[in-house]
C-alpha atoms as a PDB file:
ATOM      1  CA  MET A   1       0.000   0.000   0.000  1.00  0.00           C
ATOM      2  CA  PRO A   2       1.522   3.363  -0.950  1.00  0.00           C
ATOM      3  CA  SER A   3       2.289   5.819   1.811  1.00  0.00           C
ATOM      4  CA  MET A   4      -0.150   8.714   2.015  1.00  0.00           C
ATOM      5  CA  GLN A   5       1.323  12.098   1.214  1.00  0.00           C
ATOM      6  CA  PRO A   6      -0.339  15.521   1.294  1.00  0.00           C
ATOM      7  CA  PHE A   7      -3.288  15.668  -1.021  1.00  0.00           C
ATOM      8  CA  GLY A   8      -2.502  15.400  -4.702  1.00  0.00           C
ATOM      9  CA  ARG A   9      -5.028  14.079  -7.193  1.00  0.00           C
ATOM     10  CA  ARG A  10      -2.856  11.247  -8.550  1.00  0.00           C
ATOM     11  CA  ASP A  11      -1.678  10.139  -5.118  1.00  0.00           C
ATOM     12  CA  PHE A  12      -5.212  10.191  -3.718  1.00  0.00           C
ATOM     13  CA  LEU A  13      -6.730   8.260  -6.624  1.00  0.00           C
ATOM     14  CA  ARG A  14      -3.943   5.703  -6.592  1.00  0.00           C
ATOM     15  CA  HIS A  15      -4.308   5.140  -2.853  1.00  0.00           C
ATOM     16  CA  SER A  16      -8.100   4.958  -2.986  1.00  0.00           C
ATOM     17  CA  LEU A  17      -7.904   2.413  -5.804  1.00  0.00           C
ATOM     18  CA  VAL A  18      -5.811   0.081  -3.673  1.00  0.00           C
ATOM     19  CA  ILE A  19      -8.123   0.318  -0.672  1.00  0.00           C
ATOM     20  CA  GLY A  20     -11.445   0.467  -2.497  1.00  0.00           C
ATOM     21  CA  SER A  21     -10.759  -2.408  -4.845  1.00  0.00           C
ATOM     22  CA  GLY A  22     -10.062  -4.853  -2.026  1.00  0.00           C
ATOM     23  CA  LEU A  23      -6.678  -5.741  -3.560  1.00  0.00           C
ATOM     24  CA  LEU A  24      -5.245  -6.337  -0.113  1.00  0.00           C
ATOM     25  CA  ALA A  25      -7.819  -8.961   0.839  1.00  0.00           C
ATOM     26  CA  GLY A  26      -6.497 -12.411   1.689  1.00  0.00           C
ATOM     27  CA  PRO A  27      -7.160 -15.544  -0.356  1.00  0.00           C
ATOM     28  CA  SER A  28      -9.405 -17.486   2.037  1.00  0.00           C
ATOM     29  CA  VAL A  29     -13.097 -17.012   2.757  1.00  0.00           C
ATOM     30  CA  PHE A  30     -14.498 -16.382   6.243  1.00  0.00           C
ATOM     31  CA  ALA A  31     -16.435 -19.359   7.659  1.00  0.00           C
ATOM     32  CA  GLY A  32     -16.842 -20.873   4.217  1.00  0.00           C
ATOM     33  CA  GLY A  33     -19.146 -18.103   3.040  1.00  0.00           C
ATOM     34  CA  PRO A  34     -19.289 -16.804  -0.518  1.00  0.00           C
ATOM     35  CA  ARG A  35     -16.554 -14.384  -1.514  1.00  0.00           C
ATOM     36  CA  PRO A  36     -18.299 -11.069  -2.234  1.00  0.00           C
ATOM     37  CA  ASN A  37     -17.519  -8.661  -5.051  1.00  0.00           C
ATOM     38  CA  SER A  38     -19.245  -5.289  -5.251  1.00  0.00           C
ATOM     39  CA  ARG A  39     -16.893  -3.592  -7.664  1.00  0.00           C
ATOM     40  CA  PHE A  40     -18.930  -2.927 -10.797  1.00  0.00           C
ATOM     41  CA  GLY A  41     -17.643  -1.272 -13.946  1.00  0.00           C
ATOM     42  CA  GLY A  42     -14.599  -0.040 -12.053  1.00  0.00           C
ATOM     43  CA  VAL A  43     -16.732   1.573  -9.312  1.00  0.00           C
ATOM     44  CA  GLN A  44     -16.336   0.297  -5.760  1.00  0.00           C
ATOM     45  CA  VAL A  45     -19.773   0.033  -4.182  1.00  0.00           C
ATOM     46  CA  GLY A  46     -19.781  -0.510  -0.425  1.00  0.00           C
ATOM     47  CA  ALA A  47     -21.988   0.224   2.551  1.00  0.00           C
ATOM     48  CA  ILE A  48     -21.774   1.947   5.889  1.00  0.00           C
ATOM     49  CA  THR A  49     -22.493  -0.536   8.662  1.00  0.00           C
ATOM     50  CA  TYR A  50     -25.131   1.881   9.990  1.00  0.00           C
ATOM     51  CA  SER A  51     -27.324   0.288   7.317  1.00  0.00           C
ATOM     52  CA  PHE A  52     -27.538  -2.832   9.525  1.00  0.00           C
ATOM     53  CA  ARG A  53     -28.363  -0.960  12.749  1.00  0.00           C
ATOM     54  CA  SER A  54     -31.644  -2.893  13.203  1.00  0.00           C
ATOM     55  CA  LEU A  55     -29.654  -6.135  13.467  1.00  0.00           C
ATOM     56  CA  PRO A  56     -26.744  -7.341  15.647  1.00  0.00           C
ATOM     57  CA  VAL A  57     -23.514  -5.670  14.537  1.00  0.00           C
ATOM     58  CA  THR A  58     -20.691  -7.863  15.815  1.00  0.00           C
ATOM     59  CA  PRO A  59     -17.874  -8.379  13.298  1.00  0.00           C
ATOM     60  CA  ALA A  60     -19.091 -11.909  12.531  1.00  0.00           C
ATOM     61  CA  ASP A  61     -22.603 -10.586  11.907  1.00  0.00           C
ATOM     62  CA  ILE A  62     -21.364  -7.805   9.606  1.00  0.00           C
ATOM     63  CA  ILE A  63     -19.233 -10.250   7.627  1.00  0.00           C
ATOM     64  CA  ARG A  64     -22.219 -12.553   7.192  1.00  0.00           C
ATOM     65  CA  TYR A  65     -24.412  -9.668   6.017  1.00  0.00           C
ATOM     66  CA  CYS A  66     -21.767  -8.629   3.493  1.00  0.00           C
ATOM     67  CA  GLN A  67     -21.550 -12.174   2.152  1.00  0.00           C
ATOM     68  CA  GLN A  68     -25.332 -12.313   1.822  1.00  0.00           C
ATOM     69  CA  CYS A  69     -25.494  -8.908   0.104  1.00  0.00           C
ATOM     70  CA  GLY A  70     -22.408  -9.438  -2.053  1.00  0.00           C
ATOM     71  CA  LEU A  71     -20.568  -6.471  -0.500  1.00  0.00           C
ATOM     72  CA  SER A  72     -16.781  -6.434  -0.654  1.00  0.00           C
ATOM     73  CA  ALA A  73     -16.102  -3.038   0.964  1.00  0.00           C
ATOM     74  CA  LEU A  74     -17.274  -1.110   4.031  1.00  0.00           C
ATOM     75  CA  GLU A  75     -17.336   2.086   6.004  1.00  0.00           C
ATOM     76  CA  LEU A  76     -17.117   0.531   9.462  1.00  0.00           C
ATOM     77  CA  LYS A  77     -18.661   2.211  12.491  1.00  0.00           C
ATOM     78  CA  GLY A  78     -17.049   2.300  15.887  1.00  0.00           C
ATOM     79  CA  ASP A  79     -19.967   0.450  17.487  1.00  0.00           C
ATOM     80  CA  THR A  80     -18.662  -2.697  15.781  1.00  0.00           C
ATOM     81  CA  ALA A  81     -14.925  -2.096  16.148  1.00  0.00           C
ATOM     82  CA  GLU A  82     -14.566  -0.762  19.683  1.00  0.00           C
ATOM     83  CA  PRO A  83     -16.496  -3.515  21.531  1.00  0.00           C
ATOM     84  CA  PHE A  84     -14.444  -6.108  19.640  1.00  0.00           C
ATOM     85  CA  ALA A  85     -11.295  -4.326  20.820  1.00  0.00           C
ATOM     86  CA  GLY A  86     -12.455  -4.460  24.452  1.00  0.00           C
ATOM     87  CA  ALA A  87     -13.812  -0.957  24.992  1.00  0.00           C
ATOM     88  CA  PRO A  88     -15.333  -0.441  28.449  1.00  0.00           C
ATOM     89  CA  ALA A  89     -18.588   1.379  29.045  1.00  0.00           C
ATOM     90  CA  GLY A  90     -19.020   4.666  30.868  1.00  0.00           C
ATOM     91  CA  ASN A  91     -16.351   6.927  32.299  1.00  0.00           C
ATOM     92  CA  GLN A  92     -13.455   4.602  31.559  1.00  0.00           C
ATOM     93  CA  LEU A  93     -13.865   4.874  27.783  1.00  0.00           C
ATOM     94  CA  ARG A  94     -11.696   7.964  27.358  1.00  0.00           C
ATOM     95  CA  GLU A  95      -8.787   6.473  29.292  1.00  0.00           C
ATOM     96  CA  TRP A  96      -9.106   3.225  27.327  1.00  0.00           C
ATOM     97  CA  ARG A  97      -8.989   5.052  24.009  1.00  0.00           C
ATOM     98  CA  GLU A  98      -5.970   7.062  25.098  1.00  0.00           C
ATOM     99  CA  THR A  99      -3.960   3.982  26.120  1.00  0.00           C
ATOM    100  CA  VAL A 100      -5.143   0.926  24.166  1.00  0.00           C
ATOM    101  CA  GLY A 101      -2.911  -0.685  21.557  1.00  0.00           C
ATOM    102  CA  MET A 102      -3.933  -1.424  17.995  1.00  0.00           C
ATOM    103  CA  GLU A 103      -3.595  -5.211  18.057  1.00  0.00           C
ATOM    104  CA  LYS A 104      -7.339  -5.928  18.106  1.00  0.00           C
ATOM    105  CA  PHE A 105      -8.000  -3.457  15.295  1.00  0.00           C
ATOM    106  CA  VAL A 106      -5.348  -5.183  13.185  1.00  0.00           C
ATOM    107  CA  GLU A 107      -6.974  -8.516  14.021  1.00  0.00           C
ATOM    108  CA  LEU A 108     -10.337  -7.117  12.932  1.00  0.00           C
ATOM    109  CA  ARG A 109      -8.903  -5.938   9.612  1.00  0.00           C
ATOM    110  CA  LYS A 110      -7.521  -9.419   9.002  1.00  0.00           C
ATOM    111  CA  MET A 111     -10.909 -11.008   9.769  1.00  0.00           C
ATOM    112  CA  PHE A 112     -12.613  -8.854   7.157  1.00  0.00           C
ATOM    113  CA  ARG A 113      -9.884  -9.279   4.582  1.00  0.00           C
ATOM    114  CA  LYS A 114      -9.958 -13.039   5.054  1.00  0.00           C
ATOM    115  CA  ALA A 115     -13.612 -12.815   3.977  1.00  0.00           C
ATOM    116  CA  GLY A 116     -12.691 -10.643   0.961  1.00  0.00           C
ATOM    117  CA  ILE A 117     -13.969  -7.391   2.499  1.00  0.00           C
ATOM    118  CA  SER A 118     -11.916  -4.187   2.680  1.00  0.00           C
ATOM    119  CA  ILE A 119     -12.554  -1.351   5.127  1.00  0.00           C
ATOM    120  CA  TYR A 120     -12.111   1.949   3.287  1.00  0.00           C
ATOM    121  CA  ALA A 121     -13.465   4.297   5.969  1.00  0.00           C
ATOM    122  CA  TYR A 122     -13.888   4.247   9.739  1.00  0.00           C
ATOM    123  CA  LYS A 123     -16.584   6.208  11.594  1.00  0.00           C
ATOM    124  CA  PRO A 124     -15.779   6.248  15.305  1.00  0.00           C
ATOM    125  CA  ASN A 125     -17.620   8.208  17.955  1.00  0.00           C
ATOM    126  CA  ALA A 126     -14.393   9.849  19.053  1.00  0.00           C
ATOM    127  CA  LEU A 127     -13.839  12.847  16.777  1.00  0.00           C
ATOM    128  CA  GLY A 128     -16.048  15.431  18.444  1.00  0.00           C
ATOM    129  CA  GLU A 129     -15.120  18.767  19.956  1.00  0.00           C
ATOM    130  CA  ARG A 130     -15.415  17.288  23.454  1.00  0.00           C
ATOM    131  CA  ASN A 131     -13.090  14.414  22.696  1.00  0.00           C
ATOM    132  CA  SER A 132      -9.513  14.724  23.885  1.00  0.00           C
ATOM    133  CA  ASP A 133      -6.576  14.867  21.504  1.00  0.00           C
ATOM    134  CA  GLY A 134      -5.682  11.406  22.790  1.00  0.00           C
ATOM    135  CA  GLU A 135      -9.084  10.039  21.799  1.00  0.00           C
ATOM    136  CA  ILE A 136      -8.818  11.620  18.374  1.00  0.00           C
ATOM    137  CA  GLU A 137      -5.333  10.175  17.911  1.00  0.00           C
ATOM    138  CA  HIS A 138      -6.733   6.782  18.905  1.00  0.00           C
ATOM    139  CA  ALA A 139      -9.438   7.063  16.242  1.00  0.00           C
ATOM    140  CA  MET A 140      -6.896   7.953  13.563  1.00  0.00           C
ATOM    141  CA  LYS A 141      -4.594   5.088  14.543  1.00  0.00           C
ATOM    142  CA  ALA A 142      -7.515   2.667  14.664  1.00  0.00           C
ATOM    143  CA  GLY A 143      -8.585   3.730  11.180  1.00  0.00           C
ATOM    144  CA  LYS A 144      -5.087   3.062   9.879  1.00  0.00           C
ATOM    145  CA  ALA A 145      -4.960  -0.306  11.646  1.00  0.00           C
ATOM    146  CA  LEU A 146      -8.279  -1.253  10.034  1.00  0.00           C
ATOM    147  CA  GLY A 147      -6.851  -0.414   6.605  1.00  0.00           C
ATOM    148  CA  ALA A 148      -9.046   2.649   6.083  1.00  0.00           C
ATOM    149  CA  THR A 149      -8.169   5.561   3.817  1.00  0.00           C
ATOM    150  CA  SER A 150     -10.217   7.970   5.942  1.00  0.00           C
ATOM    151  CA  VAL A 151     -12.075   8.496   9.177  1.00  0.00           C
ATOM    152  CA  THR A 152     -15.492  10.127   8.880  1.00  0.00           C
ATOM    153  CA  VAL A 153     -17.310  12.647  11.062  1.00  0.00           C
ATOM    154  CA  GLU A 154     -20.019  15.281  10.813  1.00  0.00           C
ATOM    155  CA  LEU A 155     -18.869  18.598   9.357  1.00  0.00           C
ATOM    156  CA  PRO A 156     -18.116  20.803  12.399  1.00  0.00           C
ATOM    157  CA  LYS A 157     -19.834  24.139  12.863  1.00  0.00           C
ATOM    158  CA  ASP A 158     -16.610  25.545  14.325  1.00  0.00           C
ATOM    159  CA  PRO A 159     -13.816  25.725  11.723  1.00  0.00           C
ATOM    160  CA  ALA A 160     -11.276  25.510  14.516  1.00  0.00           C
ATOM    161  CA  HIS A 161     -12.286  21.908  15.072  1.00  0.00           C
ATOM    162  CA  SER A 162     -11.844  20.839  11.444  1.00  0.00           C
ATOM    163  CA  LYS A 163      -8.386  22.449  11.608  1.00  0.00           C
ATOM    164  CA  ARG A 164      -7.651  20.512  14.799  1.00  0.00           C
ATOM    165  CA  LEU A 165      -8.747  17.240  13.224  1.00  0.00           C
ATOM    166  CA  ALA A 166      -6.721  17.913  10.085  1.00  0.00           C
ATOM    167  CA  ASP A 167      -3.572  18.639  12.075  1.00  0.00           C
ATOM    168  CA  ILE A 168      -3.881  15.353  13.957  1.00  0.00           C
ATOM    169  CA  ALA A 169      -4.772  13.472  10.760  1.00  0.00           C
ATOM    170  CA  ALA A 170      -1.629  14.792   9.090  1.00  0.00           C
ATOM    171  CA  LYS A 171       0.474  13.214  11.848  1.00  0.00           C
ATOM    172  CA  HIS A 172      -1.076   9.827  11.081  1.00  0.00           C
ATOM    173  CA  SER A 173      -1.397  10.166   7.283  1.00  0.00           C
ATOM    174  CA  ILE A 174      -5.134   9.529   7.151  1.00  0.00           C
ATOM    175  CA  TYR A 175      -7.864  11.678   5.617  1.00  0.00           C
ATOM    176  CA  VAL A 176     -10.848  13.112   7.463  1.00  0.00           C
ATOM    177  CA  GLY A 177     -14.070  12.834   5.458  1.00  0.00           C
ATOM    178  CA  TYR A 178     -16.688  15.363   6.553  1.00  0.00           C
ATOM    179  CA  HIS A 179     -20.325  14.338   6.297  1.00  0.00           C
ATOM    180  CA  ALA A 180     -23.143  16.856   5.980  1.00  0.00           C
ATOM    181  CA  HIS A 181     -26.898  16.563   6.311  1.00  0.00           C
ATOM    182  CA  THR A 182     -29.373  19.068   4.894  1.00  0.00           C
ATOM    183  CA  GLN A 183     -27.028  21.962   5.666  1.00  0.00           C
ATOM    184  CA  ALA A 184     -25.056  20.814   2.621  1.00  0.00           C
ATOM    185  CA  THR A 185     -24.417  23.398  -0.083  1.00  0.00           C
ATOM    186  CA  ASP A 186     -21.896  23.607  -2.882  1.00  0.00           C
ATOM    187  CA  THR A 187     -19.628  25.679  -0.630  1.00  0.00           C
ATOM    188  CA  ALA A 188     -20.266  24.008   2.758  1.00  0.00           C
ATOM    189  CA  TRP A 189     -16.915  22.215   2.773  1.00  0.00           C
ATOM    190  CA  ASP A 190     -14.794  24.984   1.284  1.00  0.00           C
ATOM    191  CA  GLU A 191     -13.303  26.305   4.518  1.00  0.00           C
ATOM    192  CA  ALA A 192     -12.350  22.845   5.755  1.00  0.00           C
ATOM    193  CA  LEU A 193     -10.840  21.942   2.375  1.00  0.00           C
ATOM    194  CA  ALA A 194      -8.796  25.129   2.363  1.00  0.00           C
ATOM    195  CA  GLN A 195      -7.419  24.373   5.832  1.00  0.00           C
ATOM    196  CA  SER A 196      -5.602  21.188   4.924  1.00  0.00           C
ATOM    197  CA  PRO A 197      -5.087  18.619   2.160  1.00  0.00           C
ATOM    198  CA  TRP A 198      -6.117  16.000   4.744  1.00  0.00           C
ATOM    199  CA  ASN A 199      -9.666  17.404   4.960  1.00  0.00           C
ATOM    200  CA  THR A 200     -12.042  15.822   2.426  1.00  0.00           C
ATOM    201  CA  LEU A 201     -15.727  15.253   1.681  1.00  0.00           C
ATOM    202  CA  ASN A 202     -17.765  12.285   2.810  1.00  0.00           C
ATOM    203  CA  LEU A 203     -20.524  13.474   0.498  1.00  0.00           C
ATOM    204  CA  ASP A 204     -24.077  12.347   1.290  1.00  0.00           C
ATOM    205  CA  CYS A 205     -25.967  12.651  -1.972  1.00  0.00           C
ATOM    206  CA  GLY A 206     -29.386  12.016  -0.472  1.00  0.00           C
ATOM    207  CA  HIS A 207     -29.085  14.680   2.214  1.00  0.00           C
ATOM    208  CA  TYR A 208     -27.810  17.150  -0.362  1.00  0.00           C
ATOM    209  CA  ILE A 209     -30.939  16.600  -2.475  1.00  0.00           C
ATOM    210  CA  ALA A 210     -33.293  16.799   0.520  1.00  0.00           C
ATOM    211  CA  ALA A 211     -31.927  20.261   1.341  1.00  0.00           C
ATOM    212  CA  GLY A 212     -33.762  21.558  -1.752  1.00  0.00           C
ATOM    213  CA  GLY A 213     -33.455  25.172  -2.850  1.00  0.00           C
ATOM    214  CA  SER A 214     -30.544  25.525  -5.238  1.00  0.00           C
ATOM    215  CA  ASN A 215     -29.546  21.903  -4.563  1.00  0.00           C
ATOM    216  CA  THR A 216     -30.721  19.899  -7.566  1.00  0.00           C
ATOM    217  CA  ALA A 217     -29.753  16.716  -9.355  1.00  0.00           C
ATOM    218  CA  ALA A 218     -27.806  18.770 -11.891  1.00  0.00           C
ATOM    219  CA  SER A 219     -25.977  20.795  -9.239  1.00  0.00           C
ATOM    220  CA  LEU A 220     -25.103  17.613  -7.331  1.00  0.00           C
ATOM    221  CA  LEU A 221     -23.518  16.042 -10.400  1.00  0.00           C
ATOM    222  CA  ALA A 222     -21.629  19.284 -11.028  1.00  0.00           C
ATOM    223  CA  LEU A 223     -20.420  19.338  -7.407  1.00  0.00           C
ATOM    224  CA  ILE A 224     -19.099  15.791  -7.705  1.00  0.00           C
ATOM    225  CA  GLU A 225     -17.200  16.703 -10.869  1.00  0.00           C
ATOM    226  CA  ALA A 226     -15.815  19.885  -9.309  1.00  0.00           C
ATOM    227  CA  LYS A 227     -14.728  18.250  -6.021  1.00  0.00           C
ATOM    228  CA  HIS A 228     -13.984  14.703  -7.171  1.00  0.00           C
ATOM    229  CA  ASP A 229     -10.334  14.884  -6.167  1.00  0.00           C
ATOM    230  CA  ARG A 230     -11.317  15.977  -2.644  1.00  0.00           C
ATOM    231  CA  ILE A 231     -13.972  13.288  -2.072  1.00  0.00           C
ATOM    232  CA  SER A 232     -12.714  10.396   0.057  1.00  0.00           C
ATOM    233  CA  SER A 233     -16.039   8.539   0.139  1.00  0.00           C
ATOM    234  CA  MET A 234     -19.698   9.070  -0.678  1.00  0.00           C
ATOM    235  CA  HIS A 235     -23.039   8.047   0.820  1.00  0.00           C
ATOM    236  CA  LEU A 236     -25.797   6.941  -1.510  1.00  0.00           C
ATOM    237  CA  LYS A 237     -29.443   7.044  -0.475  1.00  0.00           C
ATOM    238  CA  ASP A 238     -32.579   8.118  -2.310  1.00  0.00           C
ATOM    239  CA  ARG A 239     -34.369  11.130  -0.863  1.00  0.00           C
ATOM    240  CA  ARG A 240     -36.963  13.461  -2.273  1.00  0.00           C
ATOM    241  CA  LEU A 241     -36.316  17.144  -2.743  1.00  0.00           C
ATOM    242  CA  LYS A 242     -37.401  19.367   0.128  1.00  0.00           C
ATOM    243  CA  GLN A 243     -40.332  20.644  -1.936  1.00  0.00           C
ATOM    244  CA  ASN A 244     -41.365  17.014  -2.488  1.00  0.00           C
ATOM    245  CA  GLY A 245     -41.267  16.206   1.229  1.00  0.00           C
ATOM    246  CA  GLY A 246     -37.608  15.252   1.646  1.00  0.00           C
ATOM    247  CA  ALA A 247     -38.419  11.651   2.653  1.00  0.00           C
ATOM    248  CA  ASN A 248     -36.021   8.717   2.477  1.00  0.00           C
ATOM    249  CA  VAL A 249     -37.449   6.277  -0.067  1.00  0.00           C
ATOM    250  CA  GLU A 250     -36.509   3.070  -1.839  1.00  0.00           C
ATOM    251  CA  TRP A 251     -33.894   3.535  -4.533  1.00  0.00           C
ATOM    252  CA  GLY A 252     -35.376   4.736  -7.785  1.00  0.00           C
ATOM    253  CA  LYS A 253     -38.423   6.352  -6.140  1.00  0.00           C
ATOM    254  CA  GLY A 254     -36.872   9.646  -5.055  1.00  0.00           C
ATOM    255  CA  ASP A 255     -35.046  12.623  -6.547  1.00  0.00           C
ATOM    256  CA  THR A 256     -31.432  11.600  -5.911  1.00  0.00           C
ATOM    257  CA  PRO A 257     -29.792  10.836  -9.278  1.00  0.00           C
ATOM    258  CA  ILE A 258     -28.202   7.606  -8.042  1.00  0.00           C
ATOM    259  CA  ARG A 259     -27.967   6.008 -11.478  1.00  0.00           C
ATOM    260  CA  GLU A 260     -26.405   9.139 -12.994  1.00  0.00           C
ATOM    261  CA  ILE A 261     -23.940   9.467 -10.086  1.00  0.00           C
ATOM    262  CA  LEU A 262     -22.733   5.906 -10.533  1.00  0.00           C
ATOM    263  CA  GLN A 263     -22.484   6.282 -14.279  1.00  0.00           C
ATOM    264  CA  LEU A 264     -20.503   9.513 -13.820  1.00  0.00           C
ATOM    265  CA  MET A 265     -18.108   7.693 -11.497  1.00  0.00           C
ATOM    266  CA  LYS A 266     -17.687   4.953 -14.093  1.00  0.00           C
ATOM    267  CA  ALA A 267     -17.230   7.315 -17.037  1.00  0.00           C
ATOM    268  CA  LYS A 268     -14.720   9.529 -15.197  1.00  0.00           C
ATOM    269  CA  ARG A 269     -13.004   6.589 -13.486  1.00  0.00           C
ATOM    270  CA  TYR A 270     -13.384   8.113 -10.053  1.00  0.00           C
ATOM    271  CA  ARG A 271     -11.863   5.822  -7.456  1.00  0.00           C
ATOM    272  CA  PHE A 272     -13.580   6.945  -4.271  1.00  0.00           C
ATOM    273  CA  PRO A 273     -16.092   4.372  -3.014  1.00  0.00           C
ATOM    274  CA  ALA A 274     -19.865   4.821  -2.982  1.00  0.00           C
ATOM    275  CA  SER A 275     -21.430   3.666   0.300  1.00  0.00           C
ATOM    276  CA  ILE A 276     -24.971   2.377   0.448  1.00  0.00           C
ATOM    277  CA  GLU A 277     -26.671   3.917   3.478  1.00  0.00           C
ATOM    278  CA  LEU A 278     -30.016   2.288   4.161  1.00  0.00           C
ATOM    279  CA  GLU A 279     -32.266   4.905   5.745  1.00  0.00           C
ATOM    280  CA  TYR A 280     -35.679   4.338   4.205  1.00  0.00           C
ATOM    281  CA  PRO A 281     -38.130   2.324   6.358  1.00  0.00           C
ATOM    282  CA  VAL A 282     -37.667  -1.411   5.946  1.00  0.00           C
ATOM    283  CA  PRO A 283     -40.903  -2.801   4.453  1.00  0.00           C
ATOM    284  CA  ALA A 284     -42.963  -5.354   6.355  1.00  0.00           C
ATOM    285  CA  GLY A 285     -41.696  -8.861   5.722  1.00  0.00           C
ATOM    286  CA  SER A 286     -38.219  -7.680   4.780  1.00  0.00           C
ATOM    287  CA  ASP A 287     -35.057  -6.846   6.727  1.00  0.00           C
ATOM    288  CA  ALA A 288     -31.979  -4.678   6.383  1.00  0.00           C
ATOM    289  CA  VAL A 289     -29.956  -7.364   4.626  1.00  0.00           C
ATOM    290  CA  LYS A 290     -32.632  -7.892   1.974  1.00  0.00           C
ATOM    291  CA  GLU A 291     -32.986  -4.139   1.404  1.00  0.00           C
ATOM    292  CA  VAL A 292     -29.235  -3.552   1.128  1.00  0.00           C
ATOM    293  CA  THR A 293     -29.120  -6.456  -1.326  1.00  0.00           C
ATOM    294  CA  LYS A 294     -31.694  -4.598  -3.443  1.00  0.00           C
ATOM    295  CA  CYS A 295     -29.473  -1.501  -3.375  1.00  0.00           C
ATOM    296  CA  VAL A 296     -26.456  -3.549  -4.452  1.00  0.00           C
ATOM    297  CA  ALA A 297     -28.488  -4.968  -7.358  1.00  0.00           C
ATOM    298  CA  TYR A 298     -29.617  -1.446  -8.330  1.00  0.00           C
ATOM    299  CA  ALA A 299     -26.000  -0.255  -8.393  1.00  0.00           C
ATOM    300  CA  ARG A 300     -24.871  -3.291 -10.373  1.00  0.00           C
ATOM    301  CA  GLU A 301     -27.566  -2.734 -12.976  1.00  0.00           C
ATOM    302  CA  ALA A 302     -26.775   1.004 -13.205  1.00  0.00           C
ATOM    303  CA  LEU A 303     -23.122   0.179 -13.882  1.00  0.00           C
ATOM    304  CA  SER A 304     -23.653  -2.768 -16.236  1.00  0.00           C
END
């Protein structure tokens, strides 16, 4: 895996290709399950493990879900990684984060890679303004140990915090991907991006559309083209425009141009991964695994 240097387009794309394609995965398959592959037409489709929040989220569970859905790449949340690594509950959590080694996170990476699944992003609950520098350093080191290109967090309201995160990220050569909800605009990330080459977008396409106003399908596609070399990962969900109610809906029933986004990524050979984020209500008689499987099939068809 190439070392990560301050943000240049070629370096970023090359590094993302290695992580997103799952090239570092081992040859054997976890527990005899099917080896997944969700790289379609050169586009790495993955999922954030938040999509499975209605189900148990131990590492073994997540691996099984990925095998069932055919997913070969993930944005892993801390609520799966930290308990596996022995995190305590309550007031001892900060001290644990500030002192724990990375052995269990390395072990977790190997478990996923053995099953053919790469971890391209890590979303811990340890990157907030109230978290200590030691906790933030822990999150960055854990992301690296998991094999992630970036850690992800909500876009801070205070620019001083995105500068703080970027400075710590630079020490550990890992990107910070900032996620926005309906406050997203074409310029929402500009200050953070200007602060450091280690600050990037974790662009949520559905939330962007639900913001409405000047946010449209056309402007979203233009934003992706304009910022593609500063996007470390992307969330895909279908939402309606604000004027259409803004609801999360099944893919293909809303206003998010998911098909066009994926086809743009294929045509332009963008190497950042696209994460399925299941947020629409799971229909009666179904479950999160079945619905994510539908999203994977939608992406595969869009990229065929």
